[in-house]
Amino acid sequence: MRRKDREVTDPAIVEKILQAGSVCHLAMARNNMPYVVPLNYGYIWEDGRLVLLFHSANAGKKLDILEENPHVFFSISIGHELIAGERPCDTSMRFSCLMGQGRAEILRDPGQIRETMELFMKSFPAPPFMEWRDSLFSHMACIRVMVAEWSCKVHP
């Protein structure tokens, strides 16, 4: 990271960004052509590693690309606020950003989808009890991204 003065390694700050964020931009590539899609996300920590969780229809461009190339890059950013300067070059932006790379796995098994969706929903304020209709899972897929490396940056 070029701006080491803005680099964050504190897991508590990473956790705050994950909790406060609502959209993750997931980047993938097919035939050297990038494709980025904004997605709601959930997350868990598994053996100290970040795992991002996404839900999806069971077919479409995103899944087609991931089946060919499961390597992804992601970005989650929060707290955007303009810092106005007297001159244009003095103007900046407040933000906090978590980004990284990993490998996506597409889950199509209804049992895995149910389990992943239950984990996904823990990232959102929801009623304490939610009843899932099994018929939903035949129309869904879930994506688990095992994050291999990440970096975090905060511009206060």
Foldseek 3Di string as FASTA:
>chain_A
DVPPVFWDDDVVVVVVLLLPFFWKWKWADDPNHIDTDIFGWFWDQDPNFIKIKGKDFPDDDVVVRCVVPFKIKMKTKDDWDWDDDPDPVPIDIWMKMKMAIFGKDKALDLVVVVVRVVRGCVSDDDPPDDDDDSVVSNGMIMMMTGTPDMIMGGDD
